[in-house]
Amino acid sequence: MADSDEIDRLILELNSSVKPANLAKGDTARLEDWLRIVASRGGSDLLLVAGAPPALRVDGKVIPLAEGPLDGLDIEETVLPALAPHARRQYSAAHITDASFRVQGVGRFRINLHRERGRAAAAIRLLPTRVPRLNTLGLPPSVELLAQLPRGLVLIGGPTGSGKTTTLAALVDEISRRDARHIVTIEDPIEYEHQHQLSLVEQVEIGIDAPDFPTALRAAVRQAPDVIVVGEMRDPETMRIAVAAAETGHLVFSTVHTTDVASSVSRIADSFPLERQNTIRQEMAMALAAVLTQTLLPRQGGGLVPAAELLMIGYGGRQHIRKNALQHLHQEITITRRHGSFTLEESLTRLVKEGLVERAYAHARAVHVEEFEKLCP
């Protein structure tokens, strides 16, 4: 992680690189200039919030540019021209939308335009130009087992910005390099662009190729896929179709906004009306193959590194899900360790012992603190 002197240096460099005359241009030029600064400085995000200057995120730190504070109208006038027509309509109707945007010679960006306190705001993330190899992400080696599963539902959980989408893309790439399969991804928007390798990869973007996740997923099941990737399960109907697809022999990957294995499982069932939850738990017990959760920690020397937890679902895990005894899933990780499962505390300990993360940071992220202290005294 950069220290305070390094952050001060970055702020000076960023501010000196801004050219106000350029930023006065119309159309998307103002936004493009800011995004070029994000890319040139190794940033991950551009953040636009009314009442504050534009800001970059570099190594997890938010750094303001030397601009006057923006207002909501500034943000809308800057961002709306970059959106596809469907995204503009969605923002007009619901005051929130996601879209992708390409800057020539720089790369692709994911735009989230929304409102806060009645004013426009935007979070814009730089998307990598290449899908990273799974073995370069810093995850424990047994995560690769997820790409070797023949069927079932695989959930990848974590908070926003925890690298879920990157892990998911790397798993798809791993399958595509190794197996001759038909892979269909459903995303809003498309973040990583996959190349056809041994596998044939179709990428469906919500708003452009299909109106919503349930419609796209129902269509995908009829397209003879071997692997289905659902960028995010946001509603019960999408969840229901994904579980059913996994039950009928497809390998289905999806992400959920959760923090641990138990909450990833409960997130699905709790999304349904009370009278449907028991049925969904029975179906999930049959369909679920694995649950991976991850979070990002500051890497010593700069950057971020993932810590993770993995449960490969076996007979015991299925019984706990059926009975809604999810508090026992952590113990199930230990029982199924020989099949590739590992706890968050084991992952954190590995990062500390390899010198990648300071012990204090790892200790703060541990959920089962006594277990971590035993493993990493």
Protein backbone atom coordinates (compact mmCIF):
# COMPACT_ATOMS: atom_id res chain seq x y z
CA MET A 1 0.00 0.00 0.00
CA ALA A 2 1.29 3.48 -0.82
CA ASP A 3 2.28 5.57 2.23
CA SER A 4 1.15 9.20 2.81
CA ASP A 5 4.18 10.69 1.04
CA GLU A 6 3.47 8.51 -2.00
CA ILE A 7 -0.19 9.56 -2.01
CA ASP A 8 0.84 13.24 -1.82
CA ARG A 9 3.16 12.69 -4.79
CA LEU A 10 0.36 11.03 -6.77
CA ILE A 11 -1.99 13.92 -6.06
CA LEU A 12 0.59 16.43 -7.32
CA GLU A 13 1.21 14.36 -10.45
CA LEU A 14 -2.49 13.90 -11.15
CA ASN A 15 -3.29 17.55 -10.67
CA SER A 16 -0.41 18.67 -12.89
CA SER A 17 -1.62 16.34 -15.64
CA VAL A 18 -5.13 17.84 -15.85
CA LYS A 19 -5.59 20.29 -18.71
CA PRO A 20 -8.66 22.44 -17.98
CA ALA A 21 -8.85 23.69 -21.55
CA ASN A 22 -9.26 20.14 -22.80
CA LEU A 23 -11.95 19.38 -20.26
CA ALA A 24 -14.13 22.18 -21.61
CA LYS A 25 -14.77 20.20 -24.81
CA GLY A 26 -18.26 18.90 -25.53
CA ASP A 27 -19.79 15.48 -26.16
CA THR A 28 -17.78 12.71 -24.49
CA ALA A 29 -14.41 14.49 -24.75
CA ARG A 30 -14.44 15.75 -21.16
CA LEU A 31 -15.17 12.28 -19.82
CA GLU A 32 -12.58 10.71 -22.13
CA ASP A 33 -9.86 13.06 -20.86
CA TRP A 34 -10.59 12.08 -17.26
CA LEU A 35 -10.59 8.40 -18.19
CA ARG A 36 -7.22 8.73 -19.94
CA ILE A 37 -5.85 10.09 -16.65
CA VAL A 38 -7.29 7.08 -14.80
CA ALA A 39 -5.53 4.69 -17.17
CA SER A 40 -2.23 6.58 -17.31
CA ARG A 41 -1.95 6.71 -13.51
CA GLY A 42 -2.77 3.06 -12.91
CA GLY A 43 -6.13 3.90 -11.37
CA SER A 44 -9.11 1.60 -11.14
CA ASP A 45 -12.06 4.02 -10.95
CA LEU A 46 -13.27 7.53 -11.74
CA LEU A 47 -15.76 8.81 -9.14
CA LEU A 48 -18.05 11.74 -9.89
CA VAL A 49 -20.10 13.07 -6.97
CA ALA A 50 -21.96 16.39 -6.83
CA GLY A 51 -20.31 18.92 -4.53
CA ALA A 52 -16.83 17.41 -4.96
CA PRO A 53 -14.18 17.46 -7.70
CA PRO A 54 -13.69 14.40 -9.92
CA ALA A 55 -11.64 11.76 -8.08
CA LEU A 56 -9.60 8.71 -9.02
CA ARG A 57 -9.08 5.53 -7.06
CA VAL A 58 -5.42 4.44 -7.08
CA ASP A 59 -4.38 1.40 -4.99
CA GLY A 60 -7.62 1.73 -3.07
CA LYS A 61 -7.05 5.42 -2.21
CA VAL A 62 -9.40 8.14 -3.47
CA ILE A 63 -7.43 11.05 -4.97
CA PRO A 64 -9.19 14.28 -6.10
CA LEU A 65 -8.24 16.09 -9.28
CA ALA A 66 -7.52 19.84 -9.28
CA GLU A 67 -10.97 20.80 -10.55
CA GLY A 68 -13.76 22.80 -9.08
CA PRO A 69 -16.58 20.82 -7.50
CA LEU A 70 -19.09 19.31 -9.91
CA ASP A 71 -22.84 19.64 -9.69
CA GLY A 72 -25.43 17.07 -10.75
CA LEU A 73 -26.05 18.75 -14.10
CA ASP A 74 -22.29 18.68 -14.87
CA ILE A 75 -22.22 14.95 -14.22
CA GLU A 76 -25.29 14.18 -16.34
CA GLU A 77 -24.03 16.32 -19.24
CA THR A 78 -20.64 14.59 -19.06
CA VAL A 79 -21.78 10.98 -18.71
CA LEU A 80 -25.10 10.69 -20.57
CA PRO A 81 -23.54 11.14 -24.06
CA ALA A 82 -21.36 8.09 -23.37
CA LEU A 83 -24.33 5.81 -22.72
CA ALA A 84 -26.08 3.59 -25.25
CA PRO A 85 -29.72 4.57 -25.96
CA HIS A 86 -31.16 1.78 -23.79
CA ALA A 87 -29.05 2.91 -20.83
CA ARG A 88 -30.19 6.52 -21.27
CA ARG A 89 -33.82 5.37 -21.29
CA GLN A 90 -33.22 3.28 -18.18
CA TYR A 91 -31.62 6.20 -16.35
CA SER A 92 -34.49 8.49 -17.37
CA ALA A 93 -37.03 5.98 -16.05
CA ALA A 94 -35.28 4.64 -12.93
CA HIS A 95 -32.45 7.13 -12.22
CA ILE A 96 -29.87 4.33 -12.29
CA THR A 97 -28.18 2.41 -15.09
CA ASP A 98 -25.09 0.39 -16.01
CA ALA A 99 -23.33 0.51 -19.36
CA SER A 100 -19.98 -0.08 -21.01
CA PHE A 101 -17.99 2.63 -22.81
CA ARG A 102 -14.89 2.36 -24.98
CA VAL A 103 -12.22 5.05 -25.26
CA GLN A 104 -10.11 4.61 -28.37
CA GLY A 105 -6.52 3.75 -27.53
CA VAL A 106 -7.29 3.44 -23.81
CA GLY A 107 -9.76 0.60 -23.22
CA ARG A 108 -13.25 -0.22 -22.02
CA PHE A 109 -14.96 1.15 -18.94
CA ARG A 110 -18.03 0.12 -16.93
CA ILE A 111 -20.26 3.10 -16.11
CA ASN A 112 -22.74 3.17 -13.24
CA LEU A 113 -24.76 6.39 -13.42
CA HIS A 114 -27.08 6.89 -10.47
CA ARG A 115 -28.47 9.54 -8.15
CA GLU A 116 -27.69 10.46 -4.56
CA ARG A 117 -29.44 13.16 -2.55
CA GLY A 118 -31.45 13.96 -5.65
CA ARG A 119 -28.37 14.65 -7.80
CA ALA A 120 -26.51 12.67 -10.43
CA ALA A 121 -23.39 10.69 -9.50
CA ALA A 122 -21.25 8.16 -11.36
CA ALA A 123 -18.75 5.40 -10.65
CA ILE A 124 -16.73 4.43 -13.71
CA ARG A 125 -14.34 1.45 -13.62
CA LEU A 126 -11.50 0.66 -16.00
CA LEU A 127 -11.93 -2.85 -17.41
CA PRO A 128 -8.81 -4.90 -18.12
CA THR A 129 -8.04 -5.43 -21.80
CA ARG A 130 -7.21 -9.11 -21.27
CA VAL A 131 -8.74 -11.83 -19.16
CA PRO A 132 -6.16 -12.70 -16.47
CA ARG A 133 -5.02 -16.29 -16.06
CA LEU A 134 -6.49 -17.89 -12.96
CA ASN A 135 -3.07 -18.78 -11.57
CA THR A 136 -2.03 -15.10 -11.59
CA LEU A 137 -4.80 -13.86 -9.30
CA GLY A 138 -3.17 -14.98 -6.05
CA LEU A 139 -6.04 -17.30 -5.08
CA PRO A 140 -5.34 -20.69 -3.46
CA PRO A 141 -4.62 -23.36 -6.10
CA SER A 142 -7.72 -25.45 -5.33
CA VAL A 143 -9.94 -22.69 -6.80
CA GLU A 144 -8.97 -24.20 -10.17
CA LEU A 145 -11.17 -27.19 -9.27
CA LEU A 146 -14.21 -25.03 -10.01
CA ALA A 147 -13.27 -24.95 -13.69
CA GLN A 148 -13.17 -28.76 -13.74
CA LEU A 149 -16.69 -29.37 -12.42
CA PRO A 150 -18.93 -31.18 -14.91
CA ARG A 151 -22.22 -29.65 -13.70
CA GLY A 152 -23.91 -27.82 -10.84
CA LEU A 153 -24.26 -24.28 -9.52
CA VAL A 154 -21.15 -22.38 -8.42
CA LEU A 155 -21.66 -19.18 -6.43
CA ILE A 156 -18.92 -16.56 -6.14
CA GLY A 157 -19.64 -14.16 -3.29
CA GLY A 158 -18.04 -11.01 -2.01
CA PRO A 159 -18.69 -7.30 -1.46
CA THR A 160 -18.59 -4.79 -4.29
CA GLY A 161 -15.06 -4.38 -5.62
CA SER A 162 -13.79 -7.69 -4.24
CA GLY A 163 -12.73 -9.13 -7.61
CA LYS A 164 -15.68 -11.50 -8.12
CA THR A 165 -16.07 -10.64 -11.81
CA THR A 166 -12.35 -11.06 -12.43
CA THR A 167 -12.33 -14.50 -10.80
CA LEU A 168 -15.41 -15.49 -12.78
CA ALA A 169 -13.83 -14.38 -16.07
CA ALA A 170 -10.61 -16.25 -15.26
CA LEU A 171 -12.58 -19.46 -14.57
CA VAL A 172 -14.39 -19.11 -17.91
CA ASP A 173 -11.05 -18.55 -19.64
CA GLU A 174 -9.63 -21.65 -17.95
CA ILE A 175 -12.52 -23.77 -19.24
CA SER A 176 -12.28 -22.25 -22.71
CA ARG A 177 -8.56 -23.01 -22.97
CA ARG A 178 -8.93 -26.62 -21.87
CA ASP A 179 -12.31 -27.93 -23.06
CA ALA A 180 -14.31 -27.89 -26.30
CA ARG A 181 -17.56 -26.59 -24.79
CA HIS A 182 -20.31 -24.08 -25.55
CA ILE A 183 -20.25 -21.24 -23.01
CA VAL A 184 -22.95 -18.57 -22.77
CA THR A 185 -22.39 -15.55 -20.52
CA ILE A 186 -25.14 -13.08 -19.53
CA GLU A 187 -23.80 -9.76 -18.28
CA ASP A 188 -24.87 -6.19 -17.48
CA PRO A 189 -22.70 -4.86 -18.98
CA ILE A 190 -20.05 -7.12 -20.57
CA GLU A 191 -16.80 -6.49 -18.72
CA TYR A 192 -14.24 -8.98 -20.03
CA GLU A 193 -14.34 -9.82 -23.73
CA HIS A 194 -13.58 -13.53 -24.25
CA GLN A 195 -11.92 -14.95 -27.33
CA HIS A 196 -13.03 -18.24 -28.87
CA GLN A 197 -10.45 -20.87 -27.92
CA LEU A 198 -11.25 -24.58 -27.62
CA SER A 199 -14.65 -23.45 -26.38
CA LEU A 200 -17.17 -21.36 -28.29
CA VAL A 201 -18.13 -18.35 -26.15
CA GLU A 202 -21.29 -16.29 -26.63
CA GLN A 203 -21.62 -13.10 -24.56
CA VAL A 204 -25.10 -11.64 -24.11
CA GLU A 205 -25.33 -8.05 -22.87
CA ILE A 206 -28.48 -6.97 -21.05
CA GLY A 207 -30.13 -3.99 -22.74
CA ILE A 208 -28.45 -4.70 -26.07
CA ASP A 209 -28.91 -8.42 -26.73
CA ALA A 210 -31.72 -9.15 -24.26
CA PRO A 211 -34.06 -6.99 -22.16
CA ASP A 212 -33.32 -8.56 -18.76
CA PHE A 213 -31.61 -11.46 -16.97
CA PRO A 214 -34.62 -13.83 -16.76
CA THR A 215 -35.37 -13.49 -20.48
CA ALA A 216 -31.71 -13.98 -21.41
CA LEU A 217 -31.32 -16.96 -19.09
CA ARG A 218 -34.46 -18.70 -20.33
CA ALA A 219 -33.20 -18.28 -23.90
CA ALA A 220 -29.69 -19.47 -22.99
CA VAL A 221 -30.99 -22.78 -21.63
CA ARG A 222 -32.47 -23.45 -25.10
CA GLN A 223 -29.19 -22.71 -26.88
CA ALA A 224 -27.48 -26.05 -26.10
CA PRO A 225 -24.96 -24.60 -23.64
CA ASP A 226 -22.55 -26.63 -21.53
CA VAL A 227 -21.65 -23.69 -19.27
CA ILE A 228 -23.87 -20.73 -18.36
CA VAL A 229 -22.47 -17.65 -16.66
CA VAL A 230 -24.91 -15.24 -15.00
CA GLY A 231 -23.06 -12.02 -14.19
CA GLU A 232 -25.22 -11.39 -11.14
CA MET A 233 -28.35 -12.98 -9.68
CA ARG A 234 -30.46 -9.95 -8.81
CA ASP A 235 -34.01 -11.31 -8.67
CA PRO A 236 -35.86 -14.50 -7.66
CA GLU A 237 -36.80 -15.42 -11.23
CA THR A 238 -33.17 -15.39 -12.37
CA MET A 239 -32.21 -17.43 -9.31
CA ARG A 240 -34.97 -19.97 -9.97
CA ILE A 241 -33.96 -20.51 -13.60
CA ALA A 242 -30.25 -20.73 -12.70
CA VAL A 243 -30.90 -23.36 -10.02
CA ALA A 244 -33.11 -25.34 -12.42
CA ALA A 245 -30.44 -25.19 -15.15
CA ALA A 246 -27.84 -26.52 -12.72
CA GLU A 247 -30.19 -29.32 -11.65
CA THR A 248 -30.63 -30.42 -15.26
CA GLY A 249 -26.94 -30.95 -15.95
CA HIS A 250 -25.50 -27.55 -16.85
CA LEU A 251 -22.50 -25.97 -15.14
CA VAL A 252 -23.76 -22.57 -13.96
CA PHE A 253 -21.62 -19.80 -12.48
CA SER A 254 -22.95 -16.64 -10.86
CA THR A 255 -21.96 -13.93 -8.40
CA VAL A 256 -23.77 -12.70 -5.30
CA HIS A 257 -23.12 -9.74 -2.99
CA THR A 258 -22.32 -11.62 0.21
CA THR A 259 -19.45 -11.98 2.67
CA ASP A 260 -19.22 -15.69 3.55
CA VAL A 261 -20.37 -19.15 2.48
CA ALA A 262 -23.45 -19.29 4.70
CA SER A 263 -24.74 -15.86 3.64
CA SER A 264 -24.19 -16.78 -0.02
CA VAL A 265 -26.53 -19.76 0.37
CA SER A 266 -29.11 -17.88 2.44
CA ARG A 267 -29.08 -14.97 0.00
CA ILE A 268 -30.77 -17.18 -2.60
CA ALA A 269 -33.47 -18.73 -0.42
CA ASP A 270 -34.23 -15.49 1.45
CA SER A 271 -35.01 -13.74 -1.85
CA PHE A 272 -38.16 -15.84 -2.26
CA PRO A 273 -41.51 -15.51 -0.47
CA LEU A 274 -41.59 -17.38 2.83
CA GLU A 275 -43.85 -20.12 1.49
CA ARG A 276 -41.36 -20.87 -1.33
CA GLN A 277 -38.14 -20.85 0.69
CA ASN A 278 -38.21 -24.47 1.82
CA THR A 279 -38.72 -25.68 -1.77
CA ILE A 280 -35.85 -23.53 -3.01
CA ARG A 281 -33.57 -24.88 -0.27
CA GLN A 282 -34.35 -28.43 -1.37
CA GLU A 283 -33.56 -27.54 -4.99
CA MET A 284 -30.38 -25.70 -4.02
CA ALA A 285 -29.20 -28.66 -1.96
CA MET A 286 -29.30 -30.75 -5.12
CA ALA A 287 -27.96 -28.12 -7.52
CA LEU A 288 -25.17 -26.42 -5.57
CA ALA A 289 -21.66 -27.66 -6.35
CA ALA A 290 -19.43 -25.08 -4.66
CA VAL A 291 -19.40 -21.67 -2.97
CA LEU A 292 -16.38 -19.38 -3.19
CA THR A 293 -16.24 -16.06 -1.33
CA GLN A 294 -13.45 -13.53 -1.52
CA THR A 295 -12.29 -10.13 -0.36
CA LEU A 296 -9.33 -7.90 -1.26
CA LEU A 297 -6.60 -6.84 1.15
CA PRO A 298 -3.77 -4.29 0.76
CA ARG A 299 -0.68 -6.04 -0.58
CA GLN A 300 2.63 -5.12 1.02
CA GLY A 301 4.45 -2.92 -1.46
CA GLY A 302 1.26 -1.72 -3.17
CA GLY A 303 -1.78 -3.14 -4.89
CA LEU A 304 -4.38 -5.57 -3.64
CA VAL A 305 -4.46 -9.34 -3.11
CA PRO A 306 -7.48 -11.65 -2.58
CA ALA A 307 -8.25 -13.72 0.47
CA ALA A 308 -10.90 -16.37 -0.08
CA GLU A 309 -12.98 -19.19 1.35
CA LEU A 310 -14.16 -22.24 -0.59
CA LEU A 311 -16.71 -24.92 0.23
CA MET A 312 -16.96 -27.86 -2.14
CA ILE A 313 -20.47 -29.14 -1.49
CA GLY A 314 -20.72 -32.76 -0.35
CA TYR A 315 -23.35 -34.92 1.35
CA GLY A 316 -23.06 -33.09 4.68
CA GLY A 317 -23.33 -29.66 3.09
CA ARG A 318 -26.47 -30.70 1.19
CA GLN A 319 -28.08 -31.92 4.41
CA HIS A 320 -27.30 -28.64 6.19
CA ILE A 321 -28.81 -26.65 3.31
CA ARG A 322 -31.96 -28.80 3.30
CA LYS A 323 -32.42 -28.28 7.03
CA ASN A 324 -31.47 -24.58 6.86
CA ALA A 325 -28.70 -25.32 9.36
CA LEU A 326 -26.27 -22.99 7.59
CA GLN A 327 -24.29 -22.28 10.77
CA HIS A 328 -22.71 -25.73 10.28
CA LEU A 329 -21.30 -24.94 6.82
CA HIS A 330 -18.08 -23.53 8.27
CA GLN A 331 -17.39 -26.87 9.97
CA GLU A 332 -18.23 -28.57 6.67
CA ILE A 333 -15.33 -26.68 5.05
CA THR A 334 -12.93 -28.42 7.42
CA ILE A 335 -14.54 -31.82 6.79
CA THR A 336 -14.24 -31.47 3.00
CA ARG A 337 -10.71 -30.03 2.98
CA ARG A 338 -9.43 -33.11 1.12
CA HIS A 339 -11.79 -32.19 -1.74
CA GLY A 340 -10.34 -28.68 -2.04
CA SER A 341 -12.27 -26.68 0.56
CA PHE A 342 -10.43 -24.11 2.69
CA THR A 343 -11.42 -21.47 5.25
CA LEU A 344 -10.90 -17.73 5.04
CA GLU A 345 -8.57 -18.00 8.02
CA GLU A 346 -6.38 -20.52 6.19
CA SER A 347 -6.25 -18.20 3.18
CA LEU A 348 -5.34 -15.21 5.36
CA THR A 349 -2.62 -17.21 7.11
CA ARG A 350 -1.10 -18.18 3.76
CA LEU A 351 -0.96 -14.53 2.68
CA VAL A 352 0.76 -13.50 5.93
CA LYS A 353 3.31 -16.33 5.79
CA GLU A 354 4.13 -15.53 2.16
CA GLY A 355 4.79 -11.91 3.13
CA LEU A 356 1.99 -10.55 0.95
CA VAL A 357 -0.20 -9.06 3.70
CA GLU A 358 0.57 -7.56 7.11
CA ARG A 359 -0.71 -9.68 9.95
CA ALA A 360 -2.75 -6.80 11.41
CA TYR A 361 -4.77 -6.46 8.20
CA ALA A 362 -5.33 -10.21 8.03
CA HIS A 363 -6.37 -10.35 11.69
CA ALA A 364 -8.92 -7.58 11.11
CA ARG A 365 -10.53 -9.51 8.22
CA ALA A 366 -10.72 -12.87 10.00
CA VAL A 367 -14.26 -13.97 10.86
CA HIS A 368 -13.22 -16.79 13.20
CA VAL A 369 -10.51 -14.90 15.07
CA GLU A 370 -9.50 -17.74 17.40
CA GLU A 371 -8.94 -20.01 14.42
CA PHE A 372 -6.76 -17.39 12.74
CA GLU A 373 -4.71 -16.79 15.89
CA LYS A 374 -4.10 -20.54 16.20
CA LEU A 375 -3.00 -20.82 12.57
CA CYS A 376 -1.03 -17.56 12.55
CA PRO A 377 0.29 -16.95 16.09
